[in-house]
Amino acid sequence: MDERADPGPGGGEGFALNGVRAGFRAAGEGSNGNGVSGGRAHDGADGDESRGLSAREAEVMSLIADGQTNGQIAARLFLAEKTVKNHVRRIYSKLGVGSRPAAIAYWREAR
């Protein structure tokens, strides 16, 4: 049997993204209503939406505050470095800061 024809352990539902099978549930089956199952994939950023940061931006900001470079963040989150740079740019804008040290200071003060 051809590898492409084998739906794998997840059956035929979902789709492959970068070699990883991602399944979605129909609305009403443990999902948030838009067909994507709910739940957070990061830790400790539950209140960050009140500061205007998305869950991913809060995750990136947390890694910045830990002293990681854009390249290290990209590798850890399986993102392109350009994507991380875009997140950082939006974070600076939302926090009203112009530099990494200022963003880190704001982040630590807000925590």
PDB file of N, CA and C in Angstrom:
ATOM      1  N   MET A   1       0.841  -1.179   0.000  1.00  0.00           N
ATOM      2  CA  MET A   1       0.000   0.000   0.000  1.00  0.00           C
ATOM      3  C   MET A   1       0.882   1.238   0.000  1.00  0.00           C
ATOM      4  N   ASP A   2       0.512   2.209  -0.761  1.00  0.00           N
ATOM      5  CA  ASP A   2       1.214   3.472  -0.869  1.00  0.00           C
ATOM      6  C   ASP A   2       1.077   4.257   0.437  1.00  0.00           C
ATOM      7  N   GLU A   3       2.156   4.881   0.909  1.00  0.00           N
ATOM      8  CA  GLU A   3       2.158   5.645   2.151  1.00  0.00           C
ATOM      9  C   GLU A   3       1.135   6.775   2.120  1.00  0.00           C
ATOM     10  N   ARG A   4       0.954   7.387   0.953  1.00  0.00           N
ATOM     11  CA  ARG A   4      -0.006   8.488   0.836  1.00  0.00           C
ATOM     12  C   ARG A   4      -1.445   8.014   0.955  1.00  0.00           C
ATOM     13  N   ALA A   5      -1.707   6.756   0.658  1.00  0.00           N
ATOM     14  CA  ALA A   5      -3.066   6.241   0.716  1.00  0.00           C
ATOM     15  C   ALA A   5      -3.439   5.781   2.119  1.00  0.00           C
ATOM     16  N   ASP A   6      -2.464   5.567   2.990  1.00  0.00           N
ATOM     17  CA  ASP A   6      -2.727   5.120   4.351  1.00  0.00           C
ATOM     18  C   ASP A   6      -3.087   6.325   5.219  1.00  0.00           C
ATOM     19  N   PRO A   7      -4.318   6.379   5.754  1.00  0.00           N
ATOM     20  CA  PRO A   7      -4.707   7.528   6.555  1.00  0.00           C
ATOM     21  C   PRO A   7      -4.019   7.578   7.917  1.00  0.00           C
ATOM     22  N   GLY A   8      -3.332   6.531   8.324  1.00  0.00           N
ATOM     23  CA  GLY A   8      -2.600   6.528   9.587  1.00  0.00           C
ATOM     24  C   GLY A   8      -3.495   6.310  10.779  1.00  0.00           C
ATOM     25  N   PRO A   9      -2.949   6.458  11.974  1.00  0.00           N
ATOM     26  CA  PRO A   9      -3.692   6.146  13.185  1.00  0.00           C
ATOM     27  C   PRO A   9      -4.871   7.070  13.442  1.00  0.00           C
ATOM     28  N   GLY A  10      -4.881   8.254  12.876  1.00  0.00           N
ATOM     29  CA  GLY A  10      -5.981   9.187  13.094  1.00  0.00           C
ATOM     30  C   GLY A  10      -7.130   8.972  12.135  1.00  0.00           C
ATOM     31  N   GLY A  11      -7.048   7.954  11.298  1.00  0.00           N
ATOM     32  CA  GLY A  11      -8.094   7.734  10.313  1.00  0.00           C
ATOM     33  C   GLY A  11      -7.974   8.731   9.192  1.00  0.00           C
ATOM     34  N   GLY A  12      -9.058   8.993   8.521  1.00  0.00           N
ATOM     35  CA  GLY A  12      -9.040   9.901   7.386  1.00  0.00           C
ATOM     36  C   GLY A  12      -9.395  11.322   7.746  1.00  0.00           C
ATOM     37  N   GLU A  13      -9.678  11.590   9.039  1.00  0.00           N
ATOM     38  CA  GLU A  13     -10.084  12.933   9.437  1.00  0.00           C
ATOM     39  C   GLU A  13      -8.869  13.827   9.638  1.00  0.00           C
ATOM     40  N   GLY A  14      -9.071  15.105   9.457  1.00  0.00           N
ATOM     41  CA  GLY A  14      -7.995  16.064   9.679  1.00  0.00           C
ATOM     42  C   GLY A  14      -7.160  16.260   8.438  1.00  0.00           C
ATOM     43  N   PHE A  15      -6.010  16.840   8.613  1.00  0.00           N
ATOM     44  CA  PHE A  15      -5.111  17.072   7.503  1.00  0.00           C
ATOM     45  C   PHE A  15      -3.693  17.058   8.027  1.00  0.00           C
ATOM     46  N   ALA A  16      -2.754  16.896   7.126  1.00  0.00           N
ATOM     47  CA  ALA A  16      -1.348  16.877   7.527  1.00  0.00           C
ATOM     48  C   ALA A  16      -0.771  18.275   7.365  1.00  0.00           C
ATOM     49  N   LEU A  17      -0.073  18.744   8.374  1.00  0.00           N
ATOM     50  CA  LEU A  17       0.562  20.047   8.349  1.00  0.00           C
ATOM     51  C   LEU A  17       2.011  19.844   8.756  1.00  0.00           C
ATOM     52  N   ASN A  18       2.914  20.044   7.815  1.00  0.00           N
ATOM     53  CA  ASN A  18       4.334  19.817   8.069  1.00  0.00           C
ATOM     54  C   ASN A  18       4.590  18.414   8.611  1.00  0.00           C
ATOM     55  N   GLY A  19       3.867  17.436   8.077  1.00  0.00           N
ATOM     56  CA  GLY A  19       4.078  16.054   8.466  1.00  0.00           C
ATOM     57  C   GLY A  19       3.360  15.636   9.734  1.00  0.00           C
ATOM     58  N   VAL A  20       2.580  16.533  10.336  1.00  0.00           N
ATOM     59  CA  VAL A  20       1.863  16.221  11.558  1.00  0.00           C
ATOM     60  C   VAL A  20       0.380  16.220  11.250  1.00  0.00           C
ATOM     61  N   ARG A  21      -0.316  15.177  11.665  1.00  0.00           N
ATOM     62  CA  ARG A  21      -1.749  15.091  11.412  1.00  0.00           C
ATOM     63  C   ARG A  21      -2.486  15.921  12.451  1.00  0.00           C
ATOM     64  N   ALA A  22      -3.307  16.853  11.987  1.00  0.00           N
ATOM     65  CA  ALA A  22      -4.094  17.703  12.877  1.00  0.00           C
ATOM     66  C   ALA A  22      -5.564  17.422  12.617  1.00  0.00           C
ATOM     67  N   GLY A  23      -6.281  17.001  13.620  1.00  0.00           N
ATOM     68  CA  GLY A  23      -7.699  16.704  13.477  1.00  0.00           C
ATOM     69  C   GLY A  23      -8.549  17.806  14.067  1.00  0.00           C
ATOM     70  N   PHE A  24      -9.703  18.030  13.485  1.00  0.00           N
ATOM     71  CA  PHE A  24     -10.642  19.015  13.993  1.00  0.00           C
ATOM     72  C   PHE A  24     -11.965  18.320  14.261  1.00  0.00           C
ATOM     73  N   ARG A  25     -12.624  18.746  15.320  1.00  0.00           N
ATOM     74  CA  ARG A  25     -13.937  18.207  15.654  1.00  0.00           C
ATOM     75  C   ARG A  25     -15.002  19.110  15.077  1.00  0.00           C
ATOM     76  N   ALA A  26     -16.152  18.518  14.819  1.00  0.00           N
ATOM     77  CA  ALA A  26     -17.279  19.318  14.342  1.00  0.00           C
ATOM     78  C   ALA A  26     -17.755  20.207  15.477  1.00  0.00           C
ATOM     79  N   ALA A  27     -18.359  21.343  15.147  1.00  0.00           N
ATOM     80  CA  ALA A  27     -18.858  22.257  16.170  1.00  0.00           C
ATOM     81  C   ALA A  27     -19.813  21.520  17.086  1.00  0.00           C
ATOM     82  N   GLY A  28     -19.670  21.753  18.388  1.00  0.00           N
ATOM     83  CA  GLY A  28     -20.527  21.092  19.358  1.00  0.00           C
ATOM     84  C   GLY A  28     -19.910  19.830  19.932  1.00  0.00           C
ATOM     85  N   GLU A  29     -18.841  19.328  19.380  1.00  0.00           N
ATOM     86  CA  GLU A  29     -18.190  18.130  19.884  1.00  0.00           C
ATOM     87  C   GLU A  29     -16.917  18.511  20.627  1.00  0.00           C
ATOM     88  N   GLY A  30     -17.074  19.212  21.748  1.00  0.00           N
ATOM     89  CA  GLY A  30     -15.924  19.617  22.532  1.00  0.00           C
ATOM     90  C   GLY A  30     -15.117  20.714  21.892  1.00  0.00           C
ATOM     91  N   SER A  31     -15.763  21.501  21.056  1.00  0.00           N
ATOM     92  CA  SER A  31     -15.033  22.569  20.384  1.00  0.00           C
ATOM     93  C   SER A  31     -15.535  23.910  20.875  1.00  0.00           C
ATOM     94  N   ASN A  32     -14.933  24.962  20.397  1.00  0.00           N
ATOM     95  CA  ASN A  32     -15.321  26.307  20.806  1.00  0.00           C
ATOM     96  C   ASN A  32     -16.361  26.912  19.858  1.00  0.00           C
ATOM     97  N   GLY A  33     -16.980  26.102  19.037  1.00  0.00           N
ATOM     98  CA  GLY A  33     -18.040  26.573  18.162  1.00  0.00           C
ATOM     99  C   GLY A  33     -17.596  26.868  16.745  1.00  0.00           C
ATOM    100  N   ASN A  34     -16.306  27.006  16.510  1.00  0.00           N
ATOM    101  CA  ASN A  34     -15.854  27.280  15.150  1.00  0.00           C
ATOM    102  C   ASN A  34     -15.192  26.066  14.527  1.00  0.00           C
ATOM    103  N   GLY A  35     -15.360  24.900  15.168  1.00  0.00           N
ATOM    104  CA  GLY A  35     -14.826  23.675  14.606  1.00  0.00           C
ATOM    105  C   GLY A  35     -13.441  23.326  15.099  1.00  0.00           C
ATOM    106  N   VAL A  36     -12.822  24.205  15.850  1.00  0.00           N
ATOM    107  CA  VAL A  36     -11.487  23.948  16.363  1.00  0.00           C
ATOM    108  C   VAL A  36     -11.607  23.656  17.848  1.00  0.00           C
ATOM    109  N   SER A  37     -11.026  22.542  18.286  1.00  0.00           N
ATOM    110  CA  SER A  37     -11.154  22.209  19.691  1.00  0.00           C
ATOM    111  C   SER A  37     -10.472  23.268  20.532  1.00  0.00           C
ATOM    112  N   GLY A  38     -11.066  23.564  21.688  1.00  0.00           N
ATOM    113  CA  GLY A  38     -10.568  24.624  22.547  1.00  0.00           C
ATOM    114  C   GLY A  38      -9.388  24.171  23.375  1.00  0.00           C
ATOM    115  N   GLY A  39      -8.980  25.025  24.285  1.00  0.00           N
ATOM    116  CA  GLY A  39      -7.855  24.700  25.162  1.00  0.00           C
ATOM    117  C   GLY A  39      -6.649  25.534  24.824  1.00  0.00           C
ATOM    118  N   ARG A  40      -5.842  25.789  25.837  1.00  0.00           N
ATOM    119  CA  ARG A  40      -4.638  26.592  25.653  1.00  0.00           C
ATOM    120  C   ARG A  40      -3.435  25.697  25.550  1.00  0.00           C
ATOM    121  N   ALA A  41      -2.489  26.112  24.715  1.00  0.00           N
ATOM    122  CA  ALA A  41      -1.280  25.325  24.525  1.00  0.00           C
ATOM    123  C   ALA A  41      -0.101  25.927  25.277  1.00  0.00           C
ATOM    124  N   HIS A  42      -0.315  27.010  26.004  1.00  0.00           N
ATOM    125  CA  HIS A  42       0.797  27.621  26.714  1.00  0.00           C
ATOM    126  C   HIS A  42       0.453  27.756  28.182  1.00  0.00           C
ATOM    127  N   ASP A  43       1.429  28.111  28.961  1.00  0.00           N
ATOM    128  CA  ASP A  43       1.237  28.175  30.398  1.00  0.00           C
ATOM    129  C   ASP A  43       1.242  29.600  30.914  1.00  0.00           C
ATOM    130  N   GLY A  44       0.345  29.886  31.862  1.00  0.00           N
ATOM    131  CA  GLY A  44       0.393  31.111  32.618  1.00  0.00           C
ATOM    132  C   GLY A  44       0.037  32.393  31.907  1.00  0.00           C
ATOM    133  N   ALA A  45      -0.559  32.360  30.757  1.00  0.00           N
ATOM    134  CA  ALA A  45      -0.845  33.597  30.047  1.00  0.00           C
ATOM    135  C   ALA A  45      -2.342  33.849  29.936  1.00  0.00           C
ATOM    136  N   ASP A  46      -3.126  33.362  30.895  1.00  0.00           N
ATOM    137  CA  ASP A  46      -4.571  33.470  30.808  1.00  0.00           C
ATOM    138  C   ASP A  46      -5.073  34.907  30.809  1.00  0.00           C
ATOM    139  N   GLY A  47      -4.438  35.815  31.532  1.00  0.00           N
ATOM    140  CA  GLY A  47      -4.908  37.185  31.607  1.00  0.00           C
ATOM    141  C   GLY A  47      -4.287  38.096  30.581  1.00  0.00           C
ATOM    142  N   ASP A  48      -3.471  37.595  29.689  1.00  0.00           N
ATOM    143  CA  ASP A  48      -2.724  38.436  28.780  1.00  0.00           C
ATOM    144  C   ASP A  48      -3.588  39.073  27.704  1.00  0.00           C
ATOM    145  N   GLU A  49      -4.741  38.484  27.400  1.00  0.00           N
ATOM    146  CA  GLU A  49      -5.613  39.074  26.398  1.00  0.00           C
ATOM    147  C   GLU A  49      -6.100  40.439  26.869  1.00  0.00           C
ATOM    148  N   SER A  50      -6.176  40.665  28.202  1.00  0.00           N
ATOM    149  CA  SER A  50      -6.607  41.959  28.707  1.00  0.00           C
ATOM    150  C   SER A  50      -5.606  43.055  28.359  1.00  0.00           C
ATOM    151  N   ARG A  51      -4.348  42.714  28.145  1.00  0.00           N
ATOM    152  CA  ARG A  51      -3.338  43.681  27.726  1.00  0.00           C
ATOM    153  C   ARG A  51      -3.272  43.751  26.208  1.00  0.00           C
ATOM    154  N   GLY A  52      -4.130  43.026  25.531  1.00  0.00           N
ATOM    155  CA  GLY A  52      -4.184  43.089  24.080  1.00  0.00           C
ATOM    156  C   GLY A  52      -3.311  42.082  23.368  1.00  0.00           C
ATOM    157  N   LEU A  53      -2.569  41.253  24.097  1.00  0.00           N
ATOM    158  CA  LEU A  53      -1.729  40.257  23.441  1.00  0.00           C
ATOM    159  C   LEU A  53      -2.530  38.994  23.162  1.00  0.00           C
ATOM    160  N   SER A  54      -2.315  38.427  21.988  1.00  0.00           N
ATOM    161  CA  SER A  54      -2.916  37.134  21.681  1.00  0.00           C
ATOM    162  C   SER A  54      -2.192  36.071  22.501  1.00  0.00           C
ATOM    163  N   ALA A  55      -2.734  34.871  22.524  1.00  0.00           N
ATOM    164  CA  ALA A  55      -2.096  33.774  23.251  1.00  0.00           C
ATOM    165  C   ALA A  55      -0.689  33.513  22.709  1.00  0.00           C
ATOM    166  N   ARG A  56      -0.511  33.541  21.399  1.00  0.00           N
ATOM    167  CA  ARG A  56       0.802  33.290  20.801  1.00  0.00           C
ATOM    168  C   ARG A  56       1.763  34.427  21.128  1.00  0.00           C
ATOM    169  N   GLU A  57       1.276  35.677  21.072  1.00  0.00           N
ATOM    170  CA  GLU A  57       2.130  36.805  21.413  1.00  0.00           C
ATOM    171  C   GLU A  57       2.580  36.728  22.870  1.00  0.00           C
ATOM    172  N   ALA A  58       1.678  36.331  23.758  1.00  0.00           N
ATOM    173  CA  ALA A  58       2.039  36.171  25.175  1.00  0.00           C
ATOM    174  C   ALA A  58       3.082  35.074  25.335  1.00  0.00           C
ATOM    175  N   GLU A  59       2.949  34.006  24.562  1.00  0.00           N
ATOM    176  CA  GLU A  59       3.925  32.922  24.600  1.00  0.00           C
ATOM    177  C   GLU A  59       5.295  33.415  24.128  1.00  0.00           C
ATOM    178  N   VAL A  60       5.308  34.167  23.041  1.00  0.00           N
ATOM    179  CA  VAL A  60       6.558  34.726  22.518  1.00  0.00           C
ATOM    180  C   VAL A  60       7.147  35.706  23.531  1.00  0.00           C
ATOM    181  N   MET A  61       6.319  36.562  24.128  1.00  0.00           N
ATOM    182  CA  MET A  61       6.811  37.542  25.094  1.00  0.00           C
ATOM    183  C   MET A  61       7.394  36.853  26.314  1.00  0.00           C
ATOM    184  N   SER A  62       6.803  35.782  26.743  1.00  0.00           N
ATOM    185  CA  SER A  62       7.327  35.020  27.872  1.00  0.00           C
ATOM    186  C   SER A  62       8.720  34.475  27.562  1.00  0.00           C
ATOM    187  N   LEU A  63       8.913  34.002  26.344  1.00  0.00           N
ATOM    188  CA  LEU A  63      10.223  33.494  25.937  1.00  0.00           C
ATOM    189  C   LEU A  63      11.238  34.623  25.795  1.00  0.00           C
ATOM    190  N   ILE A  64      10.785  35.784  25.342  1.00  0.00           N
ATOM    191  CA  ILE A  64      11.660  36.958  25.272  1.00  0.00           C
ATOM    192  C   ILE A  64      12.126  37.312  26.682  1.00  0.00           C
ATOM    193  N   ALA A  65      11.190  37.330  27.624  1.00  0.00           N
ATOM    194  CA  ALA A  65      11.518  37.668  29.010  1.00  0.00           C
ATOM    195  C   ALA A  65      12.472  36.650  29.630  1.00  0.00           C
ATOM    196  N   ASP A  66      12.474  35.422  29.102  1.00  0.00           N
ATOM    197  CA  ASP A  66      13.411  34.395  29.566  1.00  0.00           C
ATOM    198  C   ASP A  66      14.796  34.564  28.952  1.00  0.00           C
ATOM    199  N   GLY A  67      14.945  35.569  28.070  1.00  0.00           N
ATOM    200  CA  GLY A  67      16.241  35.866  27.481  1.00  0.00           C
ATOM    201  C   GLY A  67      16.543  35.160  26.174  1.00  0.00           C
ATOM    202  N   GLN A  68      15.522  34.567  25.547  1.00  0.00           N
ATOM    203  CA  GLN A  68      15.753  33.864  24.290  1.00  0.00           C
ATOM    204  C   GLN A  68      15.771  34.832  23.114  1.00  0.00           C
ATOM    205  N   THR A  69      16.597  34.508  22.132  1.00  0.00           N
ATOM    206  CA  THR A  69      16.676  35.299  20.910  1.00  0.00           C
ATOM    207  C   THR A  69      15.517  34.932  19.990  1.00  0.00           C
ATOM    208  N   ASN A  70      15.299  35.739  18.948  1.00  0.00           N
ATOM    209  CA  ASN A  70      14.260  35.416  17.969  1.00  0.00           C
ATOM    210  C   ASN A  70      14.509  34.054  17.335  1.00  0.00           C
ATOM    211  N   GLY A  71      15.771  33.758  17.029  1.00  0.00           N
ATOM    212  CA  GLY A  71      16.108  32.466  16.435  1.00  0.00           C
ATOM    213  C   GLY A  71      15.798  31.304  17.362  1.00  0.00           C
ATOM    214  N   GLN A  72      16.093  31.463  18.645  1.00  0.00           N
ATOM    215  CA  GLN A  72      15.800  30.410  19.615  1.00  0.00           C
ATOM    216  C   GLN A  72      14.291  30.228  19.778  1.00  0.00           C
ATOM    217  N   ILE A  73      13.565  31.333  19.808  1.00  0.00           N
ATOM    218  CA  ILE A  73      12.105  31.268  19.916  1.00  0.00           C
ATOM    219  C   ILE A  73      11.520  30.574  18.693  1.00  0.00           C
ATOM    220  N   ALA A  74      12.013  30.926  17.515  1.00  0.00           N
ATOM    221  CA  ALA A  74      11.528  30.306  16.276  1.00  0.00           C
ATOM    222  C   ALA A  74      11.737  28.802  16.314  1.00  0.00           C
ATOM    223  N   ALA A  75      12.909  28.369  16.740  1.00  0.00           N
ATOM    224  CA  ALA A  75      13.193  26.937  16.797  1.00  0.00           C
ATOM    225  C   ALA A  75      12.300  26.239  17.816  1.00  0.00           C
ATOM    226  N   ARG A  76      12.104  26.852  18.968  1.00  0.00           N
ATOM    227  CA  ARG A  76      11.302  26.235  20.022  1.00  0.00           C
ATOM    228  C   ARG A  76       9.827  26.118  19.637  1.00  0.00           C
ATOM    229  N   LEU A  77       9.313  27.135  18.944  1.00  0.00           N
ATOM    230  CA  LEU A  77       7.888  27.150  18.586  1.00  0.00           C
ATOM    231  C   LEU A  77       7.620  26.632  17.175  1.00  0.00           C
ATOM    232  N   PHE A  78       8.674  26.171  16.503  1.00  0.00           N
ATOM    233  CA  PHE A  78       8.550  25.652  15.137  1.00  0.00           C
ATOM    234  C   PHE A  78       7.962  26.694  14.194  1.00  0.00           C
ATOM    235  N   LEU A  79       8.506  27.906  14.275  1.00  0.00           N
ATOM    236  CA  LEU A  79       8.090  29.013  13.431  1.00  0.00           C
ATOM    237  C   LEU A  79       9.276  29.512  12.624  1.00  0.00           C
ATOM    238  N   ALA A  80       8.984  30.238  11.577  1.00  0.00           N
ATOM    239  CA  ALA A  80      10.043  30.923  10.841  1.00  0.00           C
ATOM    240  C   ALA A  80      10.489  32.118  11.678  1.00  0.00           C
ATOM    241  N   GLU A  81      11.766  32.458  11.585  1.00  0.00           N
ATOM    242  CA  GLU A  81      12.267  33.600  12.356  1.00  0.00           C
ATOM    243  C   GLU A  81      11.542  34.887  11.958  1.00  0.00           C
ATOM    244  N   LYS A  82      11.173  35.019  10.705  1.00  0.00           N
ATOM    245  CA  LYS A  82      10.421  36.188  10.243  1.00  0.00           C
ATOM    246  C   LYS A  82       9.069  36.274  10.960  1.00  0.00           C
ATOM    247  N   THR A  83       8.433  35.154  11.207  1.00  0.00           N
ATOM    248  CA  THR A  83       7.160  35.134  11.930  1.00  0.00           C
ATOM    249  C   THR A  83       7.362  35.626  13.352  1.00  0.00           C
ATOM    250  N   VAL A  84       8.428  35.189  13.985  1.00  0.00           N
ATOM    251  CA  VAL A  84       8.730  35.651  15.347  1.00  0.00           C
ATOM    252  C   VAL A  84       8.972  37.159  15.339  1.00  0.00           C
ATOM    253  N   LYS A  85       9.716  37.649  14.346  1.00  0.00           N
ATOM    254  CA  LYS A  85       9.959  39.092  14.250  1.00  0.00           C
ATOM    255  C   LYS A  85       8.648  39.859  14.123  1.00  0.00           C
ATOM    256  N   ASN A  86       7.705  39.323  13.359  1.00  0.00           N
ATOM    257  CA  ASN A  86       6.394  39.964  13.227  1.00  0.00           C
ATOM    258  C   ASN A  86       5.652  39.976  14.559  1.00  0.00           C
ATOM    259  N   HIS A  87       5.712  38.856  15.297  1.00  0.00           N
ATOM    260  CA  HIS A  87       5.087  38.806  16.623  1.00  0.00           C
ATOM    261  C   HIS A  87       5.717  39.854  17.535  1.00  0.00           C
ATOM    262  N   VAL A  88       7.043  39.940  17.520  1.00  0.00           N
ATOM    263  CA  VAL A  88       7.756  40.895  18.372  1.00  0.00           C
ATOM    264  C   VAL A  88       7.341  42.330  18.026  1.00  0.00           C
ATOM    265  N   ARG A  89       7.256  42.630  16.747  1.00  0.00           N
ATOM    266  CA  ARG A  89       6.845  43.972  16.306  1.00  0.00           C
ATOM    267  C   ARG A  89       5.441  44.305  16.837  1.00  0.00           C
ATOM    268  N   ARG A  90       4.503  43.347  16.734  1.00  0.00           N
ATOM    269  CA  ARG A  90       3.141  43.570  17.232  1.00  0.00           C
ATOM    270  C   ARG A  90       3.118  43.700  18.755  1.00  0.00           C
ATOM    271  N   ILE A  91       3.941  42.917  19.442  1.00  0.00           N
ATOM    272  CA  ILE A  91       4.029  42.998  20.901  1.00  0.00           C
ATOM    273  C   ILE A  91       4.487  44.394  21.318  1.00  0.00           C
ATOM    274  N   TYR A  92       5.556  44.884  20.689  1.00  0.00           N
ATOM    275  CA  TYR A  92       6.063  46.230  21.005  1.00  0.00           C
ATOM    276  C   TYR A  92       4.954  47.263  20.809  1.00  0.00           C
ATOM    277  N   SER A  93       4.236  47.142  19.712  1.00  0.00           N
ATOM    278  CA  SER A  93       3.171  48.093  19.409  1.00  0.00           C
ATOM    279  C   SER A  93       2.068  48.036  20.464  1.00  0.00           C
ATOM    280  N   LYS A  94       1.647  46.838  20.814  1.00  0.00           N
ATOM    281  CA  LYS A  94       0.565  46.681  21.783  1.00  0.00           C
ATOM    282  C   LYS A  94       0.968  47.120  23.187  1.00  0.00           C
ATOM    283  N   LEU A  95       2.220  46.899  23.550  1.00  0.00           N
ATOM    284  CA  LEU A  95       2.692  47.287  24.878  1.00  0.00           C
ATOM    285  C   LEU A  95       3.140  48.739  24.930  1.00  0.00           C
ATOM    286  N   GLY A  96       3.278  49.369  23.767  1.00  0.00           N
ATOM    287  CA  GLY A  96       3.692  50.770  23.705  1.00  0.00           C
ATOM    288  C   GLY A  96       5.158  50.968  24.049  1.00  0.00           C
ATOM    289  N   VAL A  97       5.981  50.014  23.637  1.00  0.00           N
ATOM    290  CA  VAL A  97       7.419  50.095  23.898  1.00  0.00           C
ATOM    291  C   VAL A  97       8.170  50.063  22.579  1.00  0.00           C
ATOM    292  N   GLY A  98       9.463  50.409  22.638  1.00  0.00           N
ATOM    293  CA  GLY A  98      10.240  50.452  21.413  1.00  0.00           C
ATOM    294  C   GLY A  98      11.461  49.560  21.410  1.00  0.00           C
ATOM    295  N   SER A  99      11.639  48.784  22.481  1.00  0.00           N
ATOM    296  CA  SER A  99      12.833  47.947  22.536  1.00  0.00           C
ATOM    297  C   SER A  99      12.567  46.685  23.346  1.00  0.00           C
ATOM    298  N   ARG A 100      13.453  45.731  23.183  1.00  0.00           N
ATOM    299  CA  ARG A 100      13.355  44.465  23.902  1.00  0.00           C
ATOM    300  C   ARG A 100      13.466  44.670  25.423  1.00  0.00           C
ATOM    301  N   PRO A 101      14.455  45.437  25.902  1.00  0.00           N
ATOM    302  CA  PRO A 101      14.536  45.653  27.358  1.00  0.00           C
ATOM    303  C   PRO A 101      13.291  46.330  27.930  1.00  0.00           C
ATOM    304  N   ALA A 102      12.721  47.288  27.197  1.00  0.00           N
ATOM    305  CA  ALA A 102      11.506  47.957  27.659  1.00  0.00           C
ATOM    306  C   ALA A 102      10.330  46.985  27.707  1.00  0.00           C
ATOM    307  N   ALA A 103      10.228  46.114  26.707  1.00  0.00           N
ATOM    308  CA  ALA A 103       9.160  45.118  26.687  1.00  0.00           C
ATOM    309  C   ALA A 103       9.307  44.152  27.861  1.00  0.00           C
ATOM    310  N   ILE A 104      10.542  43.736  28.138  1.00  0.00           N
ATOM    311  CA  ILE A 104      10.800  42.814  29.251  1.00  0.00           C
ATOM    312  C   ILE A 104      10.448  43.489  30.576  1.00  0.00           C
ATOM    313  N   ALA A 105      10.833  44.756  30.752  1.00  0.00           N
ATOM    314  CA  ALA A 105      10.524  45.479  31.981  1.00  0.00           C
ATOM    315  C   ALA A 105       9.008  45.591  32.166  1.00  0.00           C
ATOM    316  N   TYR A 106       8.309  45.940  31.091  1.00  0.00           N
ATOM    317  CA  TYR A 106       6.848  46.053  31.159  1.00  0.00           C
ATOM    318  C   TYR A 106       6.223  44.708  31.531  1.00  0.00           C
ATOM    319  N   TRP A 107       6.705  43.646  30.893  1.00  0.00           N
ATOM    320  CA  TRP A 107       6.181  42.294  31.096  1.00  0.00           C
ATOM    321  C   TRP A 107       6.370  41.860  32.545  1.00  0.00           C
ATOM    322  N   ARG A 108       7.556  42.098  33.084  1.00  0.00           N
ATOM    323  CA  ARG A 108       7.846  41.690  34.474  1.00  0.00           C
ATOM    324  C   ARG A 108       7.043  42.513  35.472  1.00  0.00           C
ATOM    325  N   GLU A 109       6.861  43.795  35.184  1.00  0.00           N
ATOM    326  CA  GLU A 109       6.062  44.657  36.068  1.00  0.00           C
ATOM    327  C   GLU A 109       4.604  44.226  36.063  1.00  0.00           C
ATOM    328  N   ALA A 110       4.093  43.844  34.900  1.00  0.00           N
ATOM    329  CA  ALA A 110       2.697  43.455  34.772  1.00  0.00           C
ATOM    330  C   ALA A 110       2.409  42.105  35.427  1.00  0.00           C
ATOM    331  N   ARG A 111       3.416  41.294  35.579  1.00  0.00           N
ATOM    332  CA  ARG A 111       3.255  39.978  36.178  1.00  0.00           C
ATOM    333  C   ARG A 111       3.179  40.162  37.652  1.00  0.00           C
TER     334      ARG A 111
END
